[in-house]
Amino acid sequence: MSNAPLMPKATAVWLLDNTALTFDQVADFTKMHPLEVRAIADGDAAQGIKGMDPLSNGQLTREEIEKGEKNPDYRLRLQESKVVLPPQPKRKGPRYTPVSRRHERPSAILWLLRSHPELKDAQVMRLVGTTKSTIASVRDRTHWNTSQLTPIDPVTLGLCSQIELDFEVARAAKEKPIDTAYGGATLLPASETTKKDEYEPAERSSDDLNVDAVFAKLKTLGGKKHEDEDEDEDE
């Protein structure tokens, strides 16, 4: 399949509501991420989007849907259409966010800053379509609506796709240098644990280690004591 169906999200909504196809089958046919399809099925994404019947515009046949429902491994084939989607050019600058969604950007920024602090400001700008000043105000809690902000996944808000978020997170993790300064707690080497205290030999004098000198002192003290006793008797 070279082309995706027209209005992929609306088509996914219709397939989830009207068929028994698996999330992977719907994601493969609409060129969406399976997590996006799951979010649509859970009601967390694509709220308010009306489903579009791919049978009515000739992009899918009832036979294809029946084949997919009978075999979960079967992949639906897009019917040839006269309408070909042009390739999407690469965006330059911040993402455009509809006016109705702009008030939700601070909540998405707060979620990105808390859940993925490794993301750079430029990456947050690409995902949410905001400015550096807004990111700084949310990070520093100087935003005018800080007390009311709650972190919300930008994919759930529809500000970016899960594929785009995963790509930016993987890029940030790849570019972030590995911190090798701290390798965890380790045991002290044997040279440190068996080393004797340095102050002990320094405090000991040579007389303390000389046995002859010690006995000489004892003899001197003993002789002096006997002399004192003799003097007392003479008196």
Protein backbone atom coordinates (compact mmCIF):
# COMPACT_ATOMS: atom_id res chain seq x y z
CA MET A 1 0.00 0.00 0.00
CA SER A 2 1.61 3.18 -1.16
CA ASN A 3 -1.13 5.56 -0.08
CA ALA A 4 -3.05 5.91 3.15
CA PRO A 5 -6.84 6.25 3.07
CA LEU A 6 -8.42 9.66 3.09
CA MET A 7 -8.99 11.03 6.59
CA PRO A 8 -7.21 8.20 8.43
CA LYS A 9 -8.54 9.02 11.90
CA ALA A 10 -12.13 9.25 10.72
CA THR A 11 -11.67 5.97 8.85
CA ALA A 12 -10.21 4.35 11.96
CA VAL A 13 -13.18 5.54 14.02
CA TRP A 14 -15.60 3.96 11.55
CA LEU A 15 -13.70 0.66 11.36
CA LEU A 16 -13.55 0.37 15.14
CA ASP A 17 -17.27 1.10 15.50
CA ASN A 18 -18.55 -1.07 12.65
CA THR A 19 -16.14 -3.99 12.25
CA ALA A 20 -14.42 -6.66 14.32
CA LEU A 21 -10.95 -5.86 12.98
CA THR A 22 -8.02 -5.86 15.39
CA PHE A 23 -6.12 -2.75 16.39
CA ASP A 24 -3.13 -3.86 14.32
CA GLN A 25 -5.27 -4.34 11.22
CA VAL A 26 -6.85 -0.91 11.56
CA ALA A 27 -3.48 0.68 12.27
CA ASP A 28 -1.91 -0.97 9.23
CA PHE A 29 -4.73 0.10 6.93
CA THR A 30 -4.89 3.71 8.17
CA LYS A 31 -1.09 4.08 8.52
CA MET A 32 -1.45 4.95 12.20
CA HIS A 33 0.34 3.69 15.30
CA PRO A 34 -1.42 0.84 17.13
CA LEU A 35 -1.34 2.88 20.33
CA GLU A 36 -3.23 5.68 18.58
CA VAL A 37 -5.85 3.21 17.44
CA ARG A 38 -6.12 1.82 20.96
CA ALA A 39 -6.53 5.35 22.34
CA ILE A 40 -9.36 5.96 19.86
CA ALA A 41 -11.04 2.72 20.92
CA ASP A 42 -10.73 3.68 24.60
CA GLY A 43 -12.20 7.11 23.91
CA ASP A 44 -9.00 8.95 24.88
CA ALA A 45 -8.32 10.31 21.39
CA ALA A 46 -10.22 11.49 18.31
CA GLN A 47 -13.12 12.63 20.44
CA GLY A 48 -15.73 14.42 18.37
CA ILE A 49 -14.47 13.00 15.07
CA LYS A 50 -17.24 11.51 12.96
CA GLY A 51 -16.39 8.18 11.37
CA MET A 52 -15.98 8.04 7.60
CA ASP A 53 -17.16 4.94 5.74
CA PRO A 54 -14.32 3.70 3.48
CA LEU A 55 -16.86 1.58 1.58
CA SER A 56 -18.79 4.59 0.36
CA ASN A 57 -15.73 6.23 -1.25
CA GLY A 58 -14.43 3.01 -2.78
CA GLN A 59 -11.29 2.72 -0.67
CA LEU A 60 -12.34 -0.60 0.84
CA THR A 61 -14.72 -3.45 -0.04
CA ARG A 62 -16.96 -5.55 2.15
CA GLU A 63 -15.07 -8.66 1.03
CA GLU A 64 -11.79 -7.21 2.33
CA ILE A 65 -13.35 -6.47 5.70
CA GLU A 66 -14.75 -10.01 5.96
CA LYS A 67 -11.35 -11.50 5.15
CA GLY A 68 -9.77 -9.40 7.88
CA GLU A 69 -12.41 -10.36 10.44
CA LYS A 70 -11.87 -14.07 9.76
CA ASN A 71 -8.07 -13.89 9.87
CA PRO A 72 -6.40 -11.50 12.36
CA ASP A 73 -3.10 -11.79 10.46
CA TYR A 74 -4.66 -10.59 7.21
CA ARG A 75 -3.83 -7.05 6.13
CA LEU A 76 -6.45 -5.01 4.33
CA ARG A 77 -5.59 -3.75 0.88
CA LEU A 78 -6.49 -0.23 -0.16
CA GLN A 79 -8.45 -0.15 -3.40
CA GLU A 80 -7.08 1.93 -6.22
CA SER A 81 -8.35 5.45 -6.05
CA LYS A 82 -8.18 8.36 -8.43
CA VAL A 83 -7.33 10.63 -5.52
CA VAL A 84 -3.65 10.46 -4.54
CA LEU A 85 -2.45 12.17 -1.41
CA PRO A 86 0.53 14.44 -2.07
CA PRO A 87 3.63 13.82 0.03
CA GLN A 88 3.73 15.93 3.15
CA PRO A 89 6.59 18.43 3.08
CA LYS A 90 8.85 18.72 6.07
CA ARG A 91 7.69 21.34 8.50
CA LYS A 92 9.94 24.27 9.23
CA GLY A 93 9.48 26.06 12.50
CA PRO A 94 6.97 25.32 15.26
CA ARG A 95 4.01 23.07 14.66
CA TYR A 96 0.73 24.82 13.89
CA THR A 97 -1.85 24.24 16.57
CA PRO A 98 -5.53 24.99 15.97
CA VAL A 99 -7.00 27.82 18.02
CA SER A 100 -9.34 25.43 19.81
CA ARG A 101 -6.35 23.40 21.06
CA ARG A 102 -3.98 26.20 22.02
CA HIS A 103 -5.24 26.49 25.58
CA GLU A 104 -4.25 22.83 26.12
CA ARG A 105 -0.60 23.31 25.18
CA PRO A 106 0.62 24.31 28.69
CA SER A 107 -0.79 21.05 30.09
CA ALA A 108 1.00 19.10 27.37
CA ILE A 109 4.24 21.01 28.07
CA LEU A 110 3.97 20.20 31.76
CA TRP A 111 3.52 16.50 30.95
CA LEU A 112 6.56 16.48 28.67
CA LEU A 113 8.73 18.29 31.23
CA ARG A 114 7.80 15.80 33.96
CA SER A 115 7.68 12.58 31.96
CA HIS A 116 10.58 13.27 29.59
CA PRO A 117 12.93 15.84 31.13
CA GLU A 118 15.63 14.78 28.68
CA LEU A 119 13.78 16.51 25.82
CA LYS A 120 15.24 19.79 24.64
CA ASP A 121 13.14 22.91 24.32
CA ALA A 122 13.37 22.70 20.53
CA GLN A 123 11.92 19.18 20.64
CA VAL A 124 9.04 20.27 22.87
CA MET A 125 8.39 23.12 20.46
CA ARG A 126 8.19 20.70 17.54
CA LEU A 127 5.85 18.34 19.36
CA VAL A 128 3.44 20.87 20.83
CA GLY A 129 3.90 23.92 18.62
CA THR A 130 4.79 26.42 21.31
CA THR A 131 7.48 28.98 22.11
CA LYS A 132 10.51 28.96 24.40
CA SER A 133 9.00 31.63 26.61
CA THR A 134 5.93 29.47 27.25
CA ILE A 135 8.09 26.45 28.06
CA ALA A 136 10.19 28.53 30.45
CA SER A 137 7.10 29.92 32.20
CA VAL A 138 5.67 26.41 32.71
CA ARG A 139 9.03 25.09 33.94
CA ASP A 140 9.55 28.03 36.35
CA ARG A 141 5.89 27.98 37.43
CA THR A 142 5.46 31.59 36.36
CA HIS A 143 2.70 30.81 33.86
CA TRP A 144 -0.45 32.81 34.46
CA ASN A 145 -2.50 29.60 34.84
CA THR A 146 0.03 27.53 36.79
CA SER A 147 -2.35 26.67 39.63
CA GLN A 148 -4.84 25.13 37.19
CA LEU A 149 -2.40 23.17 35.03
CA THR A 150 -2.50 19.39 35.06
CA PRO A 151 -0.06 17.25 33.05
CA ILE A 152 -1.80 15.66 30.06
CA ASP A 153 -0.25 13.48 27.36
CA PRO A 154 0.02 15.52 24.12
CA VAL A 155 -0.91 12.39 22.14
CA THR A 156 -4.18 12.20 24.05
CA LEU A 157 -4.80 15.88 23.33
CA GLY A 158 -4.14 15.31 19.64
CA LEU A 159 -1.24 17.78 19.54
CA CYS A 160 1.16 15.16 18.17
CA SER A 161 1.21 11.50 17.23
CA GLN A 162 2.70 8.67 19.26
CA ILE A 163 5.23 8.04 16.49
CA GLU A 164 6.48 11.62 16.65
CA LEU A 165 6.72 11.50 20.44
CA ASP A 166 8.63 8.19 20.39
CA PHE A 167 10.99 9.55 17.75
CA GLU A 168 11.87 12.65 19.77
CA VAL A 169 12.30 10.66 22.99
CA ALA A 170 14.59 8.16 21.25
CA ARG A 171 16.63 10.99 19.74
CA ALA A 172 17.01 12.71 23.12
CA ALA A 173 18.08 9.45 24.78
CA LYS A 174 20.63 8.86 22.04
CA GLU A 175 22.11 12.35 22.26
CA LYS A 176 22.22 12.43 26.07
CA PRO A 177 25.74 11.55 27.28
CA ILE A 178 26.08 8.66 29.70
CA ASP A 179 27.08 9.81 33.17
CA THR A 180 30.02 7.68 34.29
CA ALA A 181 31.09 9.85 37.20
CA TYR A 182 29.29 7.65 39.71
CA GLY A 183 29.53 3.92 39.25
CA GLY A 184 27.70 2.87 42.40
CA ALA A 185 28.90 1.94 45.87
CA THR A 186 32.06 -0.21 45.93
CA LEU A 187 34.13 -1.90 48.64
CA LEU A 188 37.35 -0.26 49.82
CA PRO A 189 40.55 -1.88 48.55
CA ALA A 190 42.47 -4.22 50.83
CA SER A 191 45.34 -1.73 51.02
CA GLU A 192 42.97 0.70 52.73
CA THR A 193 41.22 -1.72 55.09
CA THR A 194 44.46 -3.41 56.30
CA LYS A 195 46.53 -0.24 56.60
CA LYS A 196 47.67 0.53 60.17
CA ASP A 197 47.08 3.91 61.68
CA GLU A 198 49.87 6.29 60.87
CA TYR A 199 49.80 8.10 64.19
CA GLU A 200 50.68 5.02 66.32
CA PRO A 201 54.33 4.59 65.27
CA ALA A 202 54.90 8.33 65.35
CA GLU A 203 53.77 8.68 68.98
CA ARG A 204 55.96 5.85 70.25
CA SER A 205 59.46 6.84 71.32
CA SER A 206 62.54 4.71 71.05
CA ASP A 207 62.64 4.29 74.88
CA ASP A 208 59.23 2.60 74.86
CA LEU A 209 60.52 -0.07 72.52
CA ASN A 210 63.92 -0.53 74.32
CA VAL A 211 63.55 -3.19 77.02
CA ASP A 212 66.94 -2.46 78.61
CA ALA A 213 66.05 1.17 79.06
CA VAL A 214 62.84 0.23 80.80
CA PHE A 215 64.57 -2.05 83.33
CA ALA A 216 67.23 0.59 83.96
CA LYS A 217 64.56 3.06 84.93
CA LEU A 218 62.95 0.54 87.28
CA LYS A 219 66.29 -0.15 88.99
CA THR A 220 66.88 3.55 89.43
CA LEU A 221 63.50 4.04 91.00
CA GLY A 222 64.01 1.02 93.27
CA GLY A 223 67.43 2.20 94.48
CA LYS A 224 66.10 5.63 95.24
CA LYS A 225 63.31 4.13 97.30
CA HIS A 226 65.76 2.10 99.47
CA GLU A 227 67.89 5.19 100.13
CA ASP A 228 64.86 7.10 101.36
CA GLU A 229 63.97 4.28 103.77
CA ASP A 230 67.54 4.24 105.21
CA GLU A 231 67.41 7.96 105.84
CA ASP A 232 64.15 7.59 107.71
CA GLU A 233 65.62 4.89 109.99
CA ASP A 234 68.69 7.02 110.86
CA GLU A 235 66.49 9.83 112.01
